Amino acid sequence: MKKIISSDKAPKAIGPYSQAVRSGGLVFFSGQLGINPETGKLAEGGVKAQAEQALKNIRAILEEAGAGVENVVKTTVFITKMDDFQEVNAAYSAVFSGDFPARSCVAVHQLPLNALVEIEIIVAL
C-alpha cells in the first residue's frame, strides 16, 4: 500500500506527480528543483543557491515523512553542466555528512524551468 507525502513548506509539483510516495519502509522522493516555495521561482545566485534551496525543499518533505537526512540511503543529482559539480558538492556536504548516502550525479541537457540542478532521494524508515 502506498501513501502520498506532501509538504506546504516545499514547492507544489509542477506536473502530474507527488512530492514523495511511501511504500512499506521506503519513501521515494520526486526530484526537487531549487524553487523557493514562497515565490514559486528558482533561487537566484546560480547553481549553489539552487542546490541549497532544493535541499531545503527535501528537508521539508523529509520532516513531513517523519524522517531526517540520516534516513536518506540514495540520492541522484542531475546537473546541466559537470563544471558545476564542485559547487553542488559544497551545498550537498553542508547537509549530508559523515555516513553519506549512496549517490549518482548525472549531467543532463536540460531540466524543467531551465533549472541548473535537481535532486531526488530514497529514504529508508
PDB file of N, CA and C in Angstrom:
ATOM      1  N   MET A   1       0.843  -1.175   0.000  1.00  0.00           N
ATOM      2  CA  MET A   1       0.000   0.000   0.000  1.00  0.00           C
ATOM      3  C   MET A   1       0.891   1.241   0.000  1.00  0.00           C
ATOM      4  N   LYS A   2       0.515   2.237  -0.764  1.00  0.00           N
ATOM      5  CA  LYS A   2       1.332   3.441  -0.824  1.00  0.00           C
ATOM      6  C   LYS A   2       0.621   4.603  -0.147  1.00  0.00           C
ATOM      7  N   LYS A   3       1.441   5.552   0.304  1.00  0.00           N
ATOM      8  CA  LYS A   3       0.925   6.758   0.945  1.00  0.00           C
ATOM      9  C   LYS A   3       1.604   7.959   0.302  1.00  0.00           C
ATOM     10  N   ILE A   4       0.825   8.923  -0.117  1.00  0.00           N
ATOM     11  CA  ILE A   4       1.361  10.152  -0.707  1.00  0.00           C
ATOM     12  C   ILE A   4       1.803  11.080   0.420  1.00  0.00           C
ATOM     13  N   ILE A   5       2.982  11.663   0.262  1.00  0.00           N
ATOM     14  CA  ILE A   5       3.518  12.595   1.262  1.00  0.00           C
ATOM     15  C   ILE A   5       3.729  13.935   0.580  1.00  0.00           C
ATOM     16  N   SER A   6       3.246  14.995   1.210  1.00  0.00           N
ATOM     17  CA  SER A   6       3.462  16.336   0.661  1.00  0.00           C
ATOM     18  C   SER A   6       3.600  17.340   1.803  1.00  0.00           C
ATOM     19  N   SER A   7       4.288  18.416   1.511  1.00  0.00           N
ATOM     20  CA  SER A   7       4.534  19.469   2.482  1.00  0.00           C
ATOM     21  C   SER A   7       4.249  20.819   1.846  1.00  0.00           C
ATOM     22  N   ASP A   8       3.569  21.676   2.584  1.00  0.00           N
ATOM     23  CA  ASP A   8       3.341  23.046   2.128  1.00  0.00           C
ATOM     24  C   ASP A   8       4.624  23.877   2.213  1.00  0.00           C
ATOM     25  N   LYS A   9       5.648  23.349   2.906  1.00  0.00           N
ATOM     26  CA  LYS A   9       6.922  24.057   3.054  1.00  0.00           C
ATOM     27  C   LYS A   9       7.861  23.796   1.876  1.00  0.00           C
ATOM     28  N   ALA A  10       7.392  23.011   0.916  1.00  0.00           N
ATOM     29  CA  ALA A  10       8.145  22.734  -0.312  1.00  0.00           C
ATOM     30  C   ALA A  10       7.248  23.126  -1.483  1.00  0.00           C
ATOM     31  N   PRO A  11       7.846  23.409  -2.634  1.00  0.00           N
ATOM     32  CA  PRO A  11       7.021  23.823  -3.771  1.00  0.00           C
ATOM     33  C   PRO A  11       6.055  22.726  -4.208  1.00  0.00           C
ATOM     34  N   LYS A  12       4.892  23.146  -4.677  1.00  0.00           N
ATOM     35  CA  LYS A  12       3.934  22.207  -5.238  1.00  0.00           C
ATOM     36  C   LYS A  12       4.521  21.601  -6.509  1.00  0.00           C
ATOM     37  N   ALA A  13       4.083  20.417  -6.832  1.00  0.00           N
ATOM     38  CA  ALA A  13       4.539  19.752  -8.053  1.00  0.00           C
ATOM     39  C   ALA A  13       4.183  20.611  -9.267  1.00  0.00           C
ATOM     40  N   ILE A  14       5.096  20.656 -10.237  1.00  0.00           N
ATOM     41  CA  ILE A  14       4.842  21.429 -11.456  1.00  0.00           C
ATOM     42  C   ILE A  14       4.348  20.524 -12.584  1.00  0.00           C
ATOM     43  N   GLY A  15       3.985  19.309 -12.227  1.00  0.00           N
ATOM     44  CA  GLY A  15       3.482  18.344 -13.195  1.00  0.00           C
ATOM     45  C   GLY A  15       2.639  17.303 -12.483  1.00  0.00           C
ATOM     46  N   PRO A  16       2.261  16.250 -13.190  1.00  0.00           N
ATOM     47  CA  PRO A  16       1.424  15.211 -12.601  1.00  0.00           C
ATOM     48  C   PRO A  16       2.235  14.191 -11.803  1.00  0.00           C
ATOM     49  N   TYR A  17       2.707  14.601 -10.641  1.00  0.00           N
ATOM     50  CA  TYR A  17       3.480  13.723  -9.765  1.00  0.00           C
ATOM     51  C   TYR A  17       3.329  14.191  -8.323  1.00  0.00           C
ATOM     52  N   SER A  18       3.712  13.345  -7.385  1.00  0.00           N
ATOM     53  CA  SER A  18       3.671  13.657  -5.960  1.00  0.00           C
ATOM     54  C   SER A  18       5.057  14.067  -5.490  1.00  0.00           C
ATOM     55  N   GLN A  19       5.121  14.856  -4.432  1.00  0.00           N
ATOM     56  CA  GLN A  19       6.416  15.223  -3.867  1.00  0.00           C
ATOM     57  C   GLN A  19       7.158  13.978  -3.404  1.00  0.00           C
ATOM     58  N   ALA A  20       6.427  13.060  -2.769  1.00  0.00           N
ATOM     59  CA  ALA A  20       7.035  11.817  -2.291  1.00  0.00           C
ATOM     60  C   ALA A  20       5.939  10.769  -2.121  1.00  0.00           C
ATOM     61  N   VAL A  21       6.368   9.505  -2.207  1.00  0.00           N
ATOM     62  CA  VAL A  21       5.443   8.388  -2.026  1.00  0.00           C
ATOM     63  C   VAL A  21       6.114   7.367  -1.110  1.00  0.00           C
ATOM     64  N   ARG A  22       5.373   6.977  -0.064  1.00  0.00           N
ATOM     65  CA  ARG A  22       5.876   5.941   0.845  1.00  0.00           C
ATOM     66  C   ARG A  22       5.290   4.601   0.430  1.00  0.00           C
ATOM     67  N   SER A  23       6.149   3.606   0.377  1.00  0.00           N
ATOM     68  CA  SER A  23       5.733   2.235   0.117  1.00  0.00           C
ATOM     69  C   SER A  23       6.498   1.353   1.084  1.00  0.00           C
ATOM     70  N   GLY A  24       5.783   0.741   2.018  1.00  0.00           N
ATOM     71  CA  GLY A  24       6.452  -0.044   3.045  1.00  0.00           C
ATOM     72  C   GLY A  24       7.387   0.842   3.850  1.00  0.00           C
ATOM     73  N   GLY A  25       8.624   0.408   4.005  1.00  0.00           N
ATOM     74  CA  GLY A  25       9.605   1.162   4.779  1.00  0.00           C
ATOM     75  C   GLY A  25      10.441   2.120   3.951  1.00  0.00           C
ATOM     76  N   LEU A  26      10.064   2.330   2.698  1.00  0.00           N
ATOM     77  CA  LEU A  26      10.820   3.232   1.830  1.00  0.00           C
ATOM     78  C   LEU A  26       9.974   4.427   1.424  1.00  0.00           C
ATOM     79  N   VAL A  27      10.636   5.576   1.253  1.00  0.00           N
ATOM     80  CA  VAL A  27       9.979   6.772   0.735  1.00  0.00           C
ATOM     81  C   VAL A  27      10.782   7.224  -0.479  1.00  0.00           C
ATOM     82  N   PHE A  28      10.090   7.366  -1.600  1.00  0.00           N
ATOM     83  CA  PHE A  28      10.698   7.774  -2.861  1.00  0.00           C
ATOM     84  C   PHE A  28      10.313   9.225  -3.124  1.00  0.00           C
ATOM     85  N   PHE A  29      11.322  10.072  -3.233  1.00  0.00           N
ATOM     86  CA  PHE A  29      11.099  11.497  -3.474  1.00  0.00           C
ATOM     87  C   PHE A  29      11.221  11.802  -4.956  1.00  0.00           C
ATOM     88  N   SER A  30      10.287  12.618  -5.457  1.00  0.00           N
ATOM     89  CA  SER A  30      10.447  13.153  -6.801  1.00  0.00           C
ATOM     90  C   SER A  30      11.595  14.152  -6.762  1.00  0.00           C
ATOM     91  N   GLY A  31      12.199  14.382  -7.905  1.00  0.00           N
ATOM     92  CA  GLY A  31      13.295  15.338  -7.973  1.00  0.00           C
ATOM     93  C   GLY A  31      12.850  16.714  -7.529  1.00  0.00           C
ATOM     94  N   GLN A  32      13.678  17.353  -6.729  1.00  0.00           N
ATOM     95  CA  GLN A  32      13.399  18.698  -6.253  1.00  0.00           C
ATOM     96  C   GLN A  32      14.311  19.697  -6.951  1.00  0.00           C
ATOM     97  N   LEU A  33      13.690  20.705  -7.517  1.00  0.00           N
ATOM     98  CA  LEU A  33      14.428  21.824  -8.092  1.00  0.00           C
ATOM     99  C   LEU A  33      14.652  22.853  -6.993  1.00  0.00           C
ATOM    100  N   GLY A  34      15.459  23.838  -7.288  1.00  0.00           N
ATOM    101  CA  GLY A  34      15.733  24.906  -6.329  1.00  0.00           C
ATOM    102  C   GLY A  34      14.673  25.981  -6.352  1.00  0.00           C
ATOM    103  N   ILE A  35      13.407  25.590  -6.273  1.00  0.00           N
ATOM    104  CA  ILE A  35      12.288  26.535  -6.292  1.00  0.00           C
ATOM    105  C   ILE A  35      11.982  26.976  -4.868  1.00  0.00           C
ATOM    106  N   ASN A  36      11.910  28.280  -4.676  1.00  0.00           N
ATOM    107  CA  ASN A  36      11.503  28.835  -3.391  1.00  0.00           C
ATOM    108  C   ASN A  36       9.984  28.650  -3.299  1.00  0.00           C
ATOM    109  N   PRO A  37       9.483  27.916  -2.283  1.00  0.00           N
ATOM    110  CA  PRO A  37       8.048  27.663  -2.210  1.00  0.00           C
ATOM    111  C   PRO A  37       7.211  28.910  -1.965  1.00  0.00           C
ATOM    112  N   GLU A  38       7.823  29.966  -1.423  1.00  0.00           N
ATOM    113  CA  GLU A  38       7.085  31.208  -1.160  1.00  0.00           C
ATOM    114  C   GLU A  38       6.880  32.031  -2.429  1.00  0.00           C
ATOM    115  N   THR A  39       7.857  31.984  -3.335  1.00  0.00           N
ATOM    116  CA  THR A  39       7.762  32.798  -4.551  1.00  0.00           C
ATOM    117  C   THR A  39       7.383  31.982  -5.777  1.00  0.00           C
ATOM    118  N   GLY A  40       7.622  30.674  -5.728  1.00  0.00           N
ATOM    119  CA  GLY A  40       7.374  29.836  -6.897  1.00  0.00           C
ATOM    120  C   GLY A  40       8.432  29.994  -7.976  1.00  0.00           C
ATOM    121  N   LYS A  41       9.532  30.661  -7.647  1.00  0.00           N
ATOM    122  CA  LYS A  41      10.606  30.904  -8.618  1.00  0.00           C
ATOM    123  C   LYS A  41      11.886  30.213  -8.172  1.00  0.00           C
ATOM    124  N   LEU A  42      12.755  29.952  -9.153  1.00  0.00           N
ATOM    125  CA  LEU A  42      14.058  29.374  -8.849  1.00  0.00           C
ATOM    126  C   LEU A  42      14.876  30.334  -7.997  1.00  0.00           C
ATOM    127  N   ALA A  43      15.640  29.794  -7.068  1.00  0.00           N
ATOM    128  CA  ALA A  43      16.523  30.606  -6.235  1.00  0.00           C
ATOM    129  C   ALA A  43      17.519  31.338  -7.124  1.00  0.00           C
ATOM    130  N   GLU A  44      17.760  32.583  -6.785  1.00  0.00           N
ATOM    131  CA  GLU A  44      18.738  33.376  -7.531  1.00  0.00           C
ATOM    132  C   GLU A  44      20.116  33.160  -6.935  1.00  0.00           C
ATOM    133  N   GLY A  45      21.152  33.254  -7.781  1.00  0.00           N
ATOM    134  CA  GLY A  45      22.514  33.123  -7.280  1.00  0.00           C
ATOM    135  C   GLY A  45      23.265  31.947  -7.861  1.00  0.00           C
ATOM    136  N   GLY A  46      22.693  31.303  -8.869  1.00  0.00           N
ATOM    137  CA  GLY A  46      23.425  30.247  -9.550  1.00  0.00           C
ATOM    138  C   GLY A  46      23.155  28.861  -8.995  1.00  0.00           C
ATOM    139  N   VAL A  47      23.999  27.917  -9.427  1.00  0.00           N
ATOM    140  CA  VAL A  47      23.770  26.506  -9.131  1.00  0.00           C
ATOM    141  C   VAL A  47      23.848  26.197  -7.641  1.00  0.00           C
ATOM    142  N   LYS A  48      24.757  26.818  -6.907  1.00  0.00           N
ATOM    143  CA  LYS A  48      24.868  26.531  -5.481  1.00  0.00           C
ATOM    144  C   LYS A  48      23.613  26.975  -4.745  1.00  0.00           C
ATOM    145  N   ALA A  49      23.097  28.150  -5.060  1.00  0.00           N
ATOM    146  CA  ALA A  49      21.872  28.640  -4.425  1.00  0.00           C
ATOM    147  C   ALA A  49      20.692  27.733  -4.761  1.00  0.00           C
ATOM    148  N   GLN A  50      20.632  27.258  -6.002  1.00  0.00           N
ATOM    149  CA  GLN A  50      19.552  26.349  -6.378  1.00  0.00           C
ATOM    150  C   GLN A  50      19.685  25.005  -5.668  1.00  0.00           C
ATOM    151  N   ALA A  51      20.908  24.512  -5.536  1.00  0.00           N
ATOM    152  CA  ALA A  51      21.128  23.251  -4.824  1.00  0.00           C
ATOM    153  C   ALA A  51      20.739  23.398  -3.353  1.00  0.00           C
ATOM    154  N   GLU A  52      21.122  24.507  -2.742  1.00  0.00           N
ATOM    155  CA  GLU A  52      20.765  24.747  -1.338  1.00  0.00           C
ATOM    156  C   GLU A  52      19.249  24.771  -1.161  1.00  0.00           C
ATOM    157  N   GLN A  53      18.537  25.431  -2.096  1.00  0.00           N
ATOM    158  CA  GLN A  53      17.077  25.500  -1.996  1.00  0.00           C
ATOM    159  C   GLN A  53      16.452  24.132  -2.239  1.00  0.00           C
ATOM    160  N   ALA A  54      16.970  23.382  -3.204  1.00  0.00           N
ATOM    161  CA  ALA A  54      16.453  22.026  -3.446  1.00  0.00           C
ATOM    162  C   ALA A  54      16.599  21.175  -2.193  1.00  0.00           C
ATOM    163  N   LEU A  55      17.724  21.307  -1.511  1.00  0.00           N
ATOM    164  CA  LEU A  55      17.959  20.545  -0.284  1.00  0.00           C
ATOM    165  C   LEU A  55      17.055  21.016   0.862  1.00  0.00           C
ATOM    166  N   LYS A  56      16.743  22.311   0.920  1.00  0.00           N
ATOM    167  CA  LYS A  56      15.776  22.811   1.907  1.00  0.00           C
ATOM    168  C   LYS A  56      14.409  22.195   1.639  1.00  0.00           C
ATOM    169  N   ASN A  57      14.042  22.127   0.363  1.00  0.00           N
ATOM    170  CA  ASN A  57      12.761  21.532  -0.009  1.00  0.00           C
ATOM    171  C   ASN A  57      12.721  20.061   0.400  1.00  0.00           C
ATOM    172  N   ILE A  58      13.812  19.366   0.164  1.00  0.00           N
ATOM    173  CA  ILE A  58      13.899  17.952   0.546  1.00  0.00           C
ATOM    174  C   ILE A  58      13.740  17.801   2.057  1.00  0.00           C
ATOM    175  N   ARG A  59      14.398  18.660   2.809  1.00  0.00           N
ATOM    176  CA  ARG A  59      14.304  18.567   4.274  1.00  0.00           C
ATOM    177  C   ARG A  59      12.874  18.801   4.754  1.00  0.00           C
ATOM    178  N   ALA A  60      12.148  19.701   4.101  1.00  0.00           N
ATOM    179  CA  ALA A  60      10.749  19.952   4.472  1.00  0.00           C
ATOM    180  C   ALA A  60       9.892  18.714   4.235  1.00  0.00           C
ATOM    181  N   ILE A  61      10.113  18.039   3.125  1.00  0.00           N
ATOM    182  CA  ILE A  61       9.349  16.828   2.822  1.00  0.00           C
ATOM    183  C   ILE A  61       9.790  15.690   3.732  1.00  0.00           C
ATOM    184  N   LEU A  62      11.085  15.620   4.033  1.00  0.00           N
ATOM    185  CA  LEU A  62      11.570  14.622   4.998  1.00  0.00           C
ATOM    186  C   LEU A  62      10.848  14.776   6.331  1.00  0.00           C
ATOM    187  N   GLU A  63      10.715  15.999   6.790  1.00  0.00           N
ATOM    188  CA  GLU A  63      10.031  16.265   8.060  1.00  0.00           C
ATOM    189  C   GLU A  63       8.594  15.765   8.000  1.00  0.00           C
ATOM    190  N   GLU A  64       7.925  16.032   6.902  1.00  0.00           N
ATOM    191  CA  GLU A  64       6.541  15.576   6.726  1.00  0.00           C
ATOM    192  C   GLU A  64       6.458  14.050   6.743  1.00  0.00           C
ATOM    193  N   ALA A  65       7.511  13.403   6.261  1.00  0.00           N
ATOM    194  CA  ALA A  65       7.556  11.936   6.232  1.00  0.00           C
ATOM    195  C   ALA A  65       7.987  11.341   7.572  1.00  0.00           C
ATOM    196  N   GLY A  66       8.337  12.199   8.534  1.00  0.00           N
ATOM    197  CA  GLY A  66       8.793  11.712   9.829  1.00  0.00           C
ATOM    198  C   GLY A  66      10.213  11.179   9.778  1.00  0.00           C
ATOM    199  N   ALA A  67      11.015  11.754   8.904  1.00  0.00           N
ATOM    200  CA  ALA A  67      12.387  11.285   8.705  1.00  0.00           C
ATOM    201  C   ALA A  67      13.342  12.473   8.730  1.00  0.00           C
ATOM    202  N   GLY A  68      14.620  12.165   8.650  1.00  0.00           N
ATOM    203  CA  GLY A  68      15.657  13.187   8.586  1.00  0.00           C
ATOM    204  C   GLY A  68      16.711  12.772   7.581  1.00  0.00           C
ATOM    205  N   VAL A  69      17.714  13.604   7.404  1.00  0.00           N
ATOM    206  CA  VAL A  69      18.757  13.297   6.424  1.00  0.00           C
ATOM    207  C   VAL A  69      19.492  12.003   6.748  1.00  0.00           C
ATOM    208  N   GLU A  70      19.484  11.613   8.024  1.00  0.00           N
ATOM    209  CA  GLU A  70      20.150  10.366   8.406  1.00  0.00           C
ATOM    210  C   GLU A  70      19.431   9.141   7.837  1.00  0.00           C
ATOM    211  N   ASN A  71      18.189   9.301   7.395  1.00  0.00           N
ATOM    212  CA  ASN A  71      17.424   8.200   6.815  1.00  0.00           C
ATOM    213  C   ASN A  71      17.607   8.068   5.307  1.00  0.00           C
ATOM    214  N   VAL A  72      18.291   9.020   4.693  1.00  0.00           N
ATOM    215  CA  VAL A  72      18.472   9.002   3.242  1.00  0.00           C
ATOM    216  C   VAL A  72      19.501   7.934   2.883  1.00  0.00           C
ATOM    217  N   VAL A  73      19.113   7.013   1.996  1.00  0.00           N
ATOM    218  CA  VAL A  73      20.020   5.931   1.609  1.00  0.00           C
ATOM    219  C   VAL A  73      20.566   6.108   0.194  1.00  0.00           C
ATOM    220  N   LYS A  74      19.881   6.891  -0.647  1.00  0.00           N
ATOM    221  CA  LYS A  74      20.328   7.065  -2.038  1.00  0.00           C
ATOM    222  C   LYS A  74      19.894   8.424  -2.535  1.00  0.00           C
ATOM    223  N   THR A  75      20.787   9.106  -3.216  1.00  0.00           N
ATOM    224  CA  THR A  75      20.454  10.364  -3.884  1.00  0.00           C
ATOM    225  C   THR A  75      20.863  10.279  -5.340  1.00  0.00           C
ATOM    226  N   THR A  76      20.138  11.006  -6.151  1.00  0.00           N
ATOM    227  CA  THR A  76      20.525  11.180  -7.544  1.00  0.00           C
ATOM    228  C   THR A  76      20.514  12.678  -7.804  1.00  0.00           C
ATOM    229  N   VAL A  77      21.619  13.182  -8.295  1.00  0.00           N
ATOM    230  CA  VAL A  77      21.776  14.607  -8.569  1.00  0.00           C
ATOM    231  C   VAL A  77      21.893  14.783 -10.078  1.00  0.00           C
ATOM    232  N   PHE A  78      21.053  15.652 -10.613  1.00  0.00           N
ATOM    233  CA  PHE A  78      21.094  15.981 -12.038  1.00  0.00           C
ATOM    234  C   PHE A  78      21.583  17.417 -12.161  1.00  0.00           C
ATOM    235  N   ILE A  79      22.622  17.634 -12.952  1.00  0.00           N
ATOM    236  CA  ILE A  79      23.125  18.985 -13.186  1.00  0.00           C
ATOM    237  C   ILE A  79      23.233  19.205 -14.694  1.00  0.00           C
ATOM    238  N   THR A  80      23.113  20.460 -15.111  1.00  0.00           N
ATOM    239  CA  THR A  80      23.162  20.750 -16.545  1.00  0.00           C
ATOM    240  C   THR A  80      24.586  20.939 -17.055  1.00  0.00           C
ATOM    241  N   LYS A  81      25.537  21.143 -16.136  1.00  0.00           N
ATOM    242  CA  LYS A  81      26.945  21.268 -16.528  1.00  0.00           C
ATOM    243  C   LYS A  81      27.815  20.562 -15.497  1.00  0.00           C
ATOM    244  N   MET A  82      28.635  19.642 -15.935  1.00  0.00           N
ATOM    245  CA  MET A  82      29.516  18.944 -14.999  1.00  0.00           C
ATOM    246  C   MET A  82      30.505  19.912 -14.353  1.00  0.00           C
ATOM    247  N   ASP A  83      30.715  21.073 -14.955  1.00  0.00           N
ATOM    248  CA  ASP A  83      31.567  22.100 -14.351  1.00  0.00           C
ATOM    249  C   ASP A  83      31.009  22.579 -13.008  1.00  0.00           C
ATOM    250  N   ASP A  84      29.718  22.363 -12.766  1.00  0.00           N
ATOM    251  CA  ASP A  84      29.076  22.789 -11.525  1.00  0.00           C
ATOM    252  C   ASP A  84      29.200  21.756 -10.404  1.00  0.00           C
ATOM    253  N   PHE A  85      29.871  20.649 -10.677  1.00  0.00           N
ATOM    254  CA  PHE A  85      29.963  19.536  -9.731  1.00  0.00           C
ATOM    255  C   PHE A  85      30.454  19.976  -8.355  1.00  0.00           C
ATOM    256  N   GLN A  86      31.522  20.766  -8.294  1.00  0.00           N
ATOM    257  CA  GLN A  86      32.098  21.176  -7.003  1.00  0.00           C
ATOM    258  C   GLN A  86      31.168  22.098  -6.219  1.00  0.00           C
ATOM    259  N   GLU A  87      30.484  23.014  -6.903  1.00  0.00           N
ATOM    260  CA  GLU A  87      29.560  23.915  -6.212  1.00  0.00           C
ATOM    261  C   GLU A  87      28.382  23.148  -5.625  1.00  0.00           C
ATOM    262  N   VAL A  88      27.877  22.185  -6.384  1.00  0.00           N
ATOM    263  CA  VAL A  88      26.784  21.354  -5.876  1.00  0.00           C
ATOM    264  C   VAL A  88      27.277  20.518  -4.702  1.00  0.00           C
ATOM    265  N   ASN A  89      28.491  19.986  -4.796  1.00  0.00           N
ATOM    266  CA  ASN A  89      29.065  19.220  -3.687  1.00  0.00           C
ATOM    267  C   ASN A  89      29.167  20.055  -2.416  1.00  0.00           C
ATOM    268  N   ALA A  90      29.483  21.331  -2.550  1.00  0.00           N
ATOM    269  CA  ALA A  90      29.591  22.206  -1.378  1.00  0.00           C
ATOM    270  C   ALA A  90      28.238  22.317  -0.675  1.00  0.00           C
ATOM    271  N   ALA A  91      27.167  22.512  -1.435  1.00  0.00           N
ATOM    272  CA  ALA A  91      25.827  22.590  -0.846  1.00  0.00           C
ATOM    273  C   ALA A  91      25.422  21.242  -0.260  1.00  0.00           C
ATOM    274  N   TYR A  92      25.718  20.180  -0.979  1.00  0.00           N
ATOM    275  CA  TYR A  92      25.367  18.817  -0.574  1.00  0.00           C
ATOM    276  C   TYR A  92      26.078  18.439   0.733  1.00  0.00           C
ATOM    277  N   SER A  93      27.358  18.752   0.817  1.00  0.00           N
ATOM    278  CA  SER A  93      28.162  18.415   2.001  1.00  0.00           C
ATOM    279  C   SER A  93      27.722  19.178   3.244  1.00  0.00           C
ATOM    280  N   ALA A  94      27.072  20.317   3.066  1.00  0.00           N
ATOM    281  CA  ALA A  94      26.559  21.075   4.210  1.00  0.00           C
ATOM    282  C   ALA A  94      25.345  20.389   4.825  1.00  0.00           C
ATOM    283  N   VAL A  95      24.691  19.519   4.068  1.00  0.00           N
ATOM    284  CA  VAL A  95      23.503  18.807   4.554  1.00  0.00           C
ATOM    285  C   VAL A  95      23.825  17.370   4.937  1.00  0.00           C
ATOM    286  N   PHE A  96      24.548  16.685   4.077  1.00  0.00           N
ATOM    287  CA  PHE A  96      24.912  15.290   4.318  1.00  0.00           C
ATOM    288  C   PHE A  96      26.364  15.235   4.768  1.00  0.00           C
ATOM    289  N   SER A  97      26.611  14.617   5.916  1.00  0.00           N
ATOM    290  CA  SER A  97      27.986  14.488   6.389  1.00  0.00           C
ATOM    291  C   SER A  97      28.150  13.149   7.087  1.00  0.00           C
ATOM    292  N   GLY A  98      29.375  12.783   7.315  1.00  0.00           N
ATOM    293  CA  GLY A  98      29.645  11.516   7.995  1.00  0.00           C
ATOM    294  C   GLY A  98      29.350  10.330   7.109  1.00  0.00           C
ATOM    295  N   ASP A  99      28.319   9.587   7.460  1.00  0.00           N
ATOM    296  CA  ASP A  99      27.913   8.432   6.659  1.00  0.00           C
ATOM    297  C   ASP A  99      27.044   8.908   5.504  1.00  0.00           C
ATOM    298  N   PHE A 100      27.694   9.250   4.403  1.00  0.00           N
ATOM    299  CA  PHE A 100      26.971   9.765   3.238  1.00  0.00           C
ATOM    300  C   PHE A 100      26.087   8.688   2.624  1.00  0.00           C
ATOM    301  N   PRO A 101      24.935   9.078   2.071  1.00  0.00           N
ATOM    302  CA  PRO A 101      24.146   8.104   1.323  1.00  0.00           C
ATOM    303  C   PRO A 101      24.843   7.761   0.009  1.00  0.00           C
ATOM    304  N   ALA A 102      24.452   6.657  -0.601  1.00  0.00           N
ATOM    305  CA  ALA A 102      24.934   6.356  -1.945  1.00  0.00           C
ATOM    306  C   ALA A 102      24.442   7.472  -2.869  1.00  0.00           C
ATOM    307  N   ARG A 103      25.197   7.751  -3.941  1.00  0.00           N
ATOM    308  CA  ARG A 103      24.811   8.868  -4.806  1.00  0.00           C
ATOM    309  C   ARG A 103      25.263   8.648  -6.234  1.00  0.00           C
ATOM    310  N   SER A 104      24.445   9.116  -7.139  1.00  0.00           N
ATOM    311  CA  SER A 104      24.819   9.238  -8.547  1.00  0.00           C
ATOM    312  C   SER A 104      24.704  10.707  -8.911  1.00  0.00           C
ATOM    313  N   CYS A 105      25.553  11.150  -9.831  1.00  0.00           N
ATOM    314  CA  CYS A 105      25.463  12.512 -10.349  1.00  0.00           C
ATOM    315  C   CYS A 105      25.548  12.422 -11.858  1.00  0.00           C
ATOM    316  N   VAL A 106      24.560  13.009 -12.512  1.00  0.00           N
ATOM    317  CA  VAL A 106      24.441  12.890 -13.955  1.00  0.00           C
ATOM    318  C   VAL A 106      24.298  14.275 -14.569  1.00  0.00           C
ATOM    319  N   ALA A 107      25.045  14.539 -15.617  1.00  0.00           N
ATOM    320  CA  ALA A 107      24.873  15.774 -16.372  1.00  0.00           C
ATOM    321  C   ALA A 107      23.806  15.534 -17.428  1.00  0.00           C
ATOM    322  N   VAL A 108      22.842  16.443 -17.482  1.00  0.00           N
ATOM    323  CA  VAL A 108      21.732  16.330 -18.427  1.00  0.00           C
ATOM    324  C   VAL A 108      21.684  17.571 -19.308  1.00  0.00           C
ATOM    325  N   HIS A 109      21.017  17.437 -20.423  1.00  0.00           N
ATOM    326  CA  HIS A 109      20.929  18.546 -21.377  1.00  0.00           C
ATOM    327  C   HIS A 109      20.121  19.718 -20.826  1.00  0.00           C
ATOM    328  N   GLN A 110      18.971  19.408 -20.185  1.00  0.00           N
ATOM    329  CA  GLN A 110      18.096  20.471 -19.702  1.00  0.00           C
ATOM    330  C   GLN A 110      17.210  19.927 -18.591  1.00  0.00           C
ATOM    331  N   LEU A 111      16.819  20.818 -17.683  1.00  0.00           N
ATOM    332  CA  LEU A 111      15.909  20.475 -16.591  1.00  0.00           C
ATOM    333  C   LEU A 111      14.664  21.354 -16.683  1.00  0.00           C
ATOM    334  N   PRO A 112      13.556  20.946 -16.046  1.00  0.00           N
ATOM    335  CA  PRO A 112      12.361  21.786 -16.060  1.00  0.00           C
ATOM    336  C   PRO A 112      12.661  23.195 -15.564  1.00  0.00           C
ATOM    337  N   LEU A 113      11.966  24.160 -16.132  1.00  0.00           N
ATOM    338  CA  LEU A 113      12.109  25.580 -15.784  1.00  0.00           C
ATOM    339  C   LEU A 113      13.521  26.107 -16.022  1.00  0.00           C
ATOM    340  N   ASN A 114      14.315  25.379 -16.795  1.00  0.00           N
ATOM    341  CA  ASN A 114      15.715  25.727 -17.050  1.00  0.00           C
ATOM    342  C   ASN A 114      16.535  25.787 -15.761  1.00  0.00           C
ATOM    343  N   ALA A 115      16.149  24.958 -14.807  1.00  0.00           N
ATOM    344  CA  ALA A 115      16.905  24.852 -13.553  1.00  0.00           C
ATOM    345  C   ALA A 115      18.303  24.327 -13.857  1.00  0.00           C
ATOM    346  N   LEU A 116      19.217  24.561 -12.929  1.00  0.00           N
ATOM    347  CA  LEU A 116      20.602  24.128 -13.077  1.00  0.00           C
ATOM    348  C   LEU A 116      20.883  22.811 -12.360  1.00  0.00           C
ATOM    349  N   VAL A 117      20.017  22.454 -11.395  1.00  0.00           N
ATOM    350  CA  VAL A 117      20.217  21.237 -10.601  1.00  0.00           C
ATOM    351  C   VAL A 117      18.865  20.697 -10.154  1.00  0.00           C
ATOM    352  N   GLU A 118      18.788  19.369 -10.048  1.00  0.00           N
ATOM    353  CA  GLU A 118      17.622  18.685  -9.500  1.00  0.00           C
ATOM    354  C   GLU A 118      18.140  17.525  -8.652  1.00  0.00           C
ATOM    355  N   ILE A 119      17.524  17.326  -7.495  1.00  0.00           N
ATOM    356  CA  ILE A 119      17.983  16.277  -6.582  1.00  0.00           C
ATOM    357  C   ILE A 119      16.803  15.410  -6.171  1.00  0.00           C
ATOM    358  N   GLU A 120      16.969  14.104  -6.302  1.00  0.00           N
ATOM    359  CA  GLU A 120      15.953  13.167  -5.814  1.00  0.00           C
ATOM    360  C   GLU A 120      16.600  12.224  -4.812  1.00  0.00           C
ATOM    361  N   ILE A 121      15.772  11.689  -3.909  1.00  0.00           N
ATOM    362  CA  ILE A 121      16.301  10.815  -2.862  1.00  0.00           C
ATOM    363  C   ILE A 121      15.392   9.617  -2.630  1.00  0.00           C
ATOM    364  N   ILE A 122      15.970   8.616  -1.974  1.00  0.00           N
ATOM    365  CA  ILE A 122      15.232   7.478  -1.457  1.00  0.00           C
ATOM    366  C   ILE A 122      15.560   7.383   0.029  1.00  0.00           C
ATOM    367  N   VAL A 123      14.525   7.185   0.833  1.00  0.00           N
ATOM    368  CA  VAL A 123      14.652   7.161   2.286  1.00  0.00           C
ATOM    369  C   VAL A 123      14.235   5.806   2.824  1.00  0.00           C
ATOM    370  N   ALA A 124      14.964   5.276   3.784  1.00  0.00           N
ATOM    371  CA  ALA A 124      14.586   4.061   4.492  1.00  0.00           C
ATOM    372  C   ALA A 124      14.148   4.453   5.901  1.00  0.00           C
ATOM    373  N   LEU A 125      12.931   4.080   6.258  1.00  0.00           N
ATOM    374  CA  LEU A 125      12.408   4.396   7.594  1.00  0.00           C
ATOM    375  C   LEU A 125      12.624   3.247   8.549  1.00  0.00           C
TER     376      LEU A 125
END
